[in-house]
């Protein structure tokens, strides 16, 4: 995979406040170019043998394959969930100018501590 490949990453959070906090942290660390926050989604899932229902918020993050590992590590470290959802989807097309902007905004090594 080309390290400049733009990715869309989906992350569910416990709510809008956590989504906003994580988005700010990822922007500060230059691991994303943009975050969209979908304030209320309803999730139904199996966790530790039980069917769970939860009101959550959804982060839709724009990043690159090169930044994905650092982004995932940062989310795992700062997320309230024991096992946070981080699902990366490759972008296979779109507005070339926008995709170039996404890649130009990232400096994944800046977020490493």
N, C-alpha and C. Protein backbone atom coordinates (compact mmCIF):
# COMPACT_ATOMS: atom_id res chain seq x y z
N UNK A 1 0.86 -1.18 0.00
CA UNK A 1 0.00 0.00 0.00
C UNK A 1 0.90 1.24 0.00
N UNK A 2 0.58 2.19 -0.83
CA UNK A 2 1.30 3.46 -0.90
C UNK A 2 1.11 4.20 0.42
N UNK A 3 2.22 4.67 1.01
CA UNK A 3 2.13 5.31 2.32
C UNK A 3 1.36 6.63 2.27
N UNK A 4 1.20 7.21 1.09
CA UNK A 4 0.41 8.44 0.99
C UNK A 4 -1.06 8.15 0.71
N UNK A 5 -1.43 6.88 0.65
CA UNK A 5 -2.82 6.48 0.40
C UNK A 5 -3.74 7.10 1.45
N UNK A 6 -4.72 7.85 0.99
CA UNK A 6 -5.67 8.46 1.93
C UNK A 6 -6.61 7.37 2.45
N UNK A 7 -6.91 7.46 3.73
CA UNK A 7 -7.79 6.51 4.41
C UNK A 7 -8.90 7.28 5.11
N UNK A 8 -10.04 6.63 5.25
CA UNK A 8 -11.12 7.10 6.12
C UNK A 8 -11.16 6.12 7.28
N UNK A 9 -11.11 6.65 8.49
CA UNK A 9 -11.08 5.81 9.69
C UNK A 9 -12.34 6.11 10.50
N UNK A 10 -13.03 5.05 10.89
CA UNK A 10 -14.24 5.15 11.71
C UNK A 10 -13.91 4.76 13.14
N UNK A 11 -14.34 5.61 14.08
CA UNK A 11 -14.10 5.37 15.51
C UNK A 11 -15.38 5.73 16.26
N UNK A 12 -15.95 4.76 16.96
CA UNK A 12 -17.09 5.08 17.82
C UNK A 12 -16.57 5.55 19.18
N UNK A 13 -17.32 6.45 19.80
CA UNK A 13 -16.94 6.99 21.10
C UNK A 13 -18.15 6.98 22.04
N UNK A 14 -17.87 7.20 23.31
CA UNK A 14 -18.93 7.19 24.31
C UNK A 14 -19.87 8.40 24.19
N UNK A 15 -19.47 9.39 23.43
CA UNK A 15 -20.33 10.57 23.25
C UNK A 15 -19.59 11.67 22.52
N UNK A 16 -20.30 12.76 22.32
CA UNK A 16 -19.78 13.89 21.55
C UNK A 16 -18.55 14.52 22.20
N UNK A 17 -18.54 14.61 23.52
CA UNK A 17 -17.41 15.22 24.22
C UNK A 17 -16.13 14.41 23.98
N UNK A 18 -16.22 13.09 24.10
CA UNK A 18 -15.04 12.26 23.85
C UNK A 18 -14.62 12.34 22.38
N UNK A 19 -15.57 12.35 21.47
CA UNK A 19 -15.25 12.46 20.04
C UNK A 19 -14.51 13.76 19.77
N UNK A 20 -14.98 14.85 20.34
CA UNK A 20 -14.35 16.16 20.15
C UNK A 20 -12.93 16.18 20.75
N UNK A 21 -12.79 15.59 21.91
CA UNK A 21 -11.47 15.53 22.57
C UNK A 21 -10.48 14.73 21.74
N UNK A 22 -10.90 13.56 21.26
CA UNK A 22 -10.01 12.73 20.45
C UNK A 22 -9.66 13.41 19.12
N UNK A 23 -10.64 14.04 18.50
CA UNK A 23 -10.39 14.75 17.24
C UNK A 23 -9.34 15.84 17.45
N UNK A 24 -9.47 16.61 18.52
CA UNK A 24 -8.50 17.66 18.81
C UNK A 24 -7.11 17.11 19.04
N UNK A 25 -7.02 16.02 19.78
CA UNK A 25 -5.73 15.39 20.06
C UNK A 25 -5.08 14.90 18.76
N UNK A 26 -5.85 14.25 17.91
CA UNK A 26 -5.32 13.74 16.65
C UNK A 26 -4.90 14.87 15.71
N UNK A 27 -5.65 15.96 15.72
CA UNK A 27 -5.25 17.14 14.93
C UNK A 27 -3.97 17.75 15.47
N UNK A 28 -3.88 17.89 16.80
CA UNK A 28 -2.68 18.45 17.42
C UNK A 28 -1.44 17.63 17.08
N UNK A 29 -1.62 16.31 17.00
CA UNK A 29 -0.50 15.41 16.70
C UNK A 29 -0.25 15.25 15.21
N UNK A 30 -1.04 15.96 14.38
CA UNK A 30 -0.91 15.93 12.91
C UNK A 30 -1.11 14.52 12.35
N UNK A 31 -2.01 13.75 12.98
CA UNK A 31 -2.32 12.39 12.54
C UNK A 31 -3.55 12.34 11.66
N UNK A 32 -4.32 13.41 11.63
CA UNK A 32 -5.49 13.52 10.75
C UNK A 32 -5.51 14.91 10.14
N UNK A 33 -6.16 15.02 9.00
CA UNK A 33 -6.37 16.32 8.38
C UNK A 33 -7.72 16.89 8.76
N UNK A 34 -8.66 15.99 9.06
CA UNK A 34 -10.04 16.41 9.29
C UNK A 34 -10.77 15.34 10.09
N UNK A 35 -11.72 15.78 10.90
CA UNK A 35 -12.60 14.86 11.62
C UNK A 35 -14.03 15.35 11.48
N UNK A 36 -14.91 14.43 11.17
CA UNK A 36 -16.34 14.71 11.21
C UNK A 36 -16.89 13.98 12.42
N UNK A 37 -17.76 14.65 13.16
CA UNK A 37 -18.38 14.03 14.33
C UNK A 37 -19.86 13.88 14.06
N UNK A 38 -20.30 12.64 14.05
CA UNK A 38 -21.73 12.34 13.95
C UNK A 38 -22.20 12.18 15.39
N UNK A 39 -22.99 13.14 15.90
CA UNK A 39 -23.21 13.23 17.34
C UNK A 39 -23.97 12.08 17.98
N UNK A 40 -24.88 11.43 17.28
CA UNK A 40 -25.63 10.37 17.94
C UNK A 40 -25.91 9.24 16.98
N UNK A 41 -25.35 8.09 17.33
CA UNK A 41 -25.67 6.86 16.62
C UNK A 41 -26.12 5.85 17.66
N UNK A 42 -26.85 4.86 17.25
CA UNK A 42 -27.28 3.79 18.14
C UNK A 42 -26.55 2.54 17.72
N UNK A 43 -25.77 1.96 18.62
CA UNK A 43 -25.01 0.75 18.34
C UNK A 43 -25.61 -0.44 19.07
N UNK A 44 -25.66 -1.56 18.40
CA UNK A 44 -26.10 -2.83 18.98
C UNK A 44 -24.99 -3.83 18.68
N UNK A 45 -24.48 -4.48 19.72
CA UNK A 45 -23.33 -5.36 19.53
C UNK A 45 -23.27 -6.40 20.65
N UNK A 46 -22.48 -7.43 20.43
CA UNK A 46 -22.26 -8.44 21.45
C UNK A 46 -20.95 -8.12 22.16
N UNK A 47 -20.98 -8.05 23.49
CA UNK A 47 -19.78 -7.78 24.28
C UNK A 47 -19.77 -8.68 25.50
N UNK A 48 -18.75 -9.50 25.61
CA UNK A 48 -18.57 -10.42 26.73
C UNK A 48 -19.82 -11.28 26.95
N UNK A 49 -20.34 -11.78 25.82
CA UNK A 49 -21.46 -12.72 25.87
C UNK A 49 -22.84 -12.11 25.98
N UNK A 50 -22.93 -10.79 26.04
CA UNK A 50 -24.22 -10.12 26.20
C UNK A 50 -24.49 -9.21 25.00
N UNK A 51 -25.75 -9.08 24.64
CA UNK A 51 -26.15 -8.12 23.62
C UNK A 51 -26.25 -6.76 24.29
N UNK A 52 -25.54 -5.79 23.76
CA UNK A 52 -25.50 -4.44 24.33
C UNK A 52 -26.14 -3.44 23.37
N UNK A 53 -26.72 -2.39 23.92
CA UNK A 53 -27.27 -1.27 23.16
C UNK A 53 -26.63 -0.01 23.74
N UNK A 54 -26.11 0.85 22.86
CA UNK A 54 -25.43 2.04 23.36
C UNK A 54 -25.67 3.23 22.44
N UNK A 55 -25.87 4.39 23.04
CA UNK A 55 -25.86 5.64 22.29
C UNK A 55 -24.41 6.10 22.24
N UNK A 56 -23.90 6.33 21.04
CA UNK A 56 -22.52 6.71 20.86
C UNK A 56 -22.43 7.86 19.87
N UNK A 57 -21.23 8.38 19.70
CA UNK A 57 -20.92 9.32 18.62
C UNK A 57 -19.92 8.63 17.71
N UNK A 58 -19.90 9.06 16.47
CA UNK A 58 -19.02 8.46 15.48
C UNK A 58 -18.05 9.50 14.96
N UNK A 59 -16.77 9.17 15.00
CA UNK A 59 -15.73 9.98 14.39
C UNK A 59 -15.45 9.42 13.01
N UNK A 60 -15.44 10.29 12.00
CA UNK A 60 -15.04 9.94 10.65
C UNK A 60 -13.77 10.74 10.39
N UNK A 61 -12.64 10.06 10.36
CA UNK A 61 -11.34 10.70 10.29
C UNK A 61 -10.72 10.55 8.91
N UNK A 62 -10.02 11.61 8.45
CA UNK A 62 -9.29 11.55 7.19
C UNK A 62 -7.81 11.55 7.51
N UNK A 63 -7.10 10.51 7.03
CA UNK A 63 -5.69 10.33 7.33
C UNK A 63 -5.02 9.64 6.16
N UNK A 64 -3.80 9.15 6.38
CA UNK A 64 -3.10 8.37 5.36
C UNK A 64 -2.67 7.05 5.97
N UNK A 65 -2.31 6.11 5.08
CA UNK A 65 -1.83 4.81 5.53
C UNK A 65 -0.57 4.97 6.39
N UNK A 66 0.25 5.93 6.05
CA UNK A 66 1.48 6.18 6.80
C UNK A 66 1.20 6.56 8.25
N UNK A 67 0.13 7.28 8.49
CA UNK A 67 -0.20 7.76 9.84
C UNK A 67 -1.08 6.78 10.62
N UNK A 68 -1.56 5.75 9.97
CA UNK A 68 -2.58 4.88 10.58
C UNK A 68 -2.10 4.21 11.86
N UNK A 69 -0.91 3.70 11.90
CA UNK A 69 -0.43 3.01 13.11
C UNK A 69 -0.36 3.97 14.29
N UNK A 70 0.20 5.16 14.08
CA UNK A 70 0.29 6.14 15.17
C UNK A 70 -1.10 6.62 15.59
N UNK A 71 -1.99 6.79 14.63
CA UNK A 71 -3.37 7.19 14.93
C UNK A 71 -4.04 6.12 15.80
N UNK A 72 -3.91 4.86 15.41
CA UNK A 72 -4.51 3.76 16.16
C UNK A 72 -3.94 3.68 17.57
N UNK A 73 -2.62 3.80 17.69
CA UNK A 73 -1.99 3.77 19.01
C UNK A 73 -2.49 4.91 19.90
N UNK A 74 -2.63 6.10 19.32
CA UNK A 74 -3.10 7.27 20.07
C UNK A 74 -4.53 7.06 20.54
N UNK A 75 -5.38 6.54 19.68
CA UNK A 75 -6.77 6.26 20.07
C UNK A 75 -6.81 5.22 21.18
N UNK A 76 -6.06 4.14 21.02
CA UNK A 76 -6.05 3.09 22.05
C UNK A 76 -5.59 3.65 23.41
N UNK A 77 -4.65 4.57 23.39
CA UNK A 77 -4.11 5.13 24.64
C UNK A 77 -5.08 6.11 25.31
N UNK A 78 -5.87 6.85 24.52
CA UNK A 78 -6.67 7.95 25.06
C UNK A 78 -8.19 7.71 25.02
N UNK A 79 -8.62 6.57 24.54
CA UNK A 79 -10.05 6.27 24.42
C UNK A 79 -10.56 5.68 25.73
N UNK A 80 -11.82 5.93 26.03
CA UNK A 80 -12.41 5.41 27.27
C UNK A 80 -12.77 3.93 27.19
N UNK A 81 -12.86 3.37 25.98
CA UNK A 81 -13.27 1.97 25.84
C UNK A 81 -12.08 1.04 26.03
N UNK A 82 -12.36 -0.12 26.57
CA UNK A 82 -11.35 -1.17 26.73
C UNK A 82 -10.81 -1.60 25.36
N UNK A 83 -11.71 -1.74 24.38
CA UNK A 83 -11.33 -2.12 23.02
C UNK A 83 -12.01 -1.16 22.05
N UNK A 84 -11.38 -0.02 21.77
CA UNK A 84 -12.03 0.95 20.88
C UNK A 84 -12.07 0.45 19.43
N UNK A 85 -13.15 0.82 18.76
CA UNK A 85 -13.29 0.52 17.33
C UNK A 85 -12.40 1.48 16.54
N UNK A 86 -11.55 0.92 15.71
CA UNK A 86 -10.76 1.70 14.76
C UNK A 86 -10.79 0.89 13.46
N UNK A 87 -11.55 1.36 12.50
CA UNK A 87 -11.70 0.66 11.22
C UNK A 87 -11.23 1.60 10.12
N UNK A 88 -10.22 1.18 9.37
CA UNK A 88 -9.65 2.00 8.31
C UNK A 88 -10.10 1.50 6.95
N UNK A 89 -10.58 2.43 6.14
CA UNK A 89 -11.04 2.11 4.79
C UNK A 89 -10.21 2.90 3.78
N UNK A 90 -9.63 2.22 2.78
CA UNK A 90 -8.84 2.95 1.79
C UNK A 90 -9.75 3.77 0.87
N UNK A 91 -9.28 4.95 0.52
CA UNK A 91 -9.99 5.80 -0.43
C UNK A 91 -9.44 5.45 -1.81
N UNK A 92 -10.32 5.05 -2.71
CA UNK A 92 -9.87 4.62 -4.03
C UNK A 92 -10.09 5.67 -5.11
N UNK A 93 -10.65 6.80 -4.74
CA UNK A 93 -10.86 7.87 -5.71
C UNK A 93 -11.45 9.07 -5.01
N UNK A 94 -11.61 10.15 -5.77
CA UNK A 94 -12.20 11.36 -5.23
C UNK A 94 -11.55 12.59 -5.81
N UNK A 95 -11.80 13.71 -5.21
CA UNK A 95 -11.25 14.99 -5.65
C UNK A 95 -9.75 14.99 -5.37
N UNK A 96 -8.94 14.94 -6.41
CA UNK A 96 -7.50 14.83 -6.26
C UNK A 96 -6.94 15.98 -5.43
N UNK A 97 -7.47 17.18 -5.59
CA UNK A 97 -6.99 18.33 -4.82
C UNK A 97 -7.26 18.13 -3.33
N UNK A 98 -8.44 17.62 -2.99
CA UNK A 98 -8.77 17.34 -1.59
C UNK A 98 -7.85 16.26 -1.03
N UNK A 99 -7.65 15.18 -1.78
CA UNK A 99 -6.81 14.09 -1.31
C UNK A 99 -5.37 14.55 -1.11
N UNK A 100 -4.88 15.42 -1.97
CA UNK A 100 -3.54 15.99 -1.80
C UNK A 100 -3.49 16.85 -0.53
N UNK A 101 -4.56 17.61 -0.27
CA UNK A 101 -4.62 18.42 0.94
C UNK A 101 -4.54 17.54 2.18
N UNK A 102 -5.31 16.44 2.19
CA UNK A 102 -5.27 15.52 3.34
C UNK A 102 -3.84 15.09 3.59
N UNK A 103 -3.17 14.59 2.57
CA UNK A 103 -1.80 14.10 2.74
C UNK A 103 -0.86 15.22 3.19
N UNK A 104 -1.07 16.44 2.71
CA UNK A 104 -0.16 17.54 3.05
C UNK A 104 -0.30 18.00 4.50
N UNK A 105 -1.42 17.74 5.13
CA UNK A 105 -1.67 18.18 6.50
C UNK A 105 -1.06 17.28 7.57
N UNK A 106 -0.63 16.09 7.17
CA UNK A 106 -0.18 15.10 8.15
C UNK A 106 1.32 15.08 8.32
N UNK A 107 1.72 14.87 9.56
CA UNK A 107 3.12 14.65 9.92
C UNK A 107 3.12 13.59 11.02
N UNK A 108 2.92 12.30 10.62
CA UNK A 108 2.70 11.27 11.64
C UNK A 108 3.84 11.12 12.64
N UNK A 109 5.07 11.45 12.26
CA UNK A 109 6.16 11.32 13.22
C UNK A 109 6.08 12.38 14.32
N UNK A 110 5.37 13.48 14.04
CA UNK A 110 5.22 14.55 15.03
C UNK A 110 4.39 14.07 16.23
N UNK A 111 3.49 13.11 16.01
CA UNK A 111 2.62 12.62 17.08
C UNK A 111 3.24 11.55 17.94
N UNK A 112 4.38 11.05 17.54
CA UNK A 112 5.05 9.98 18.31
C UNK A 112 5.78 10.55 19.51
N UNK A 113 5.62 9.91 20.64
CA UNK A 113 6.33 10.35 21.84
C UNK A 113 7.24 9.26 22.34
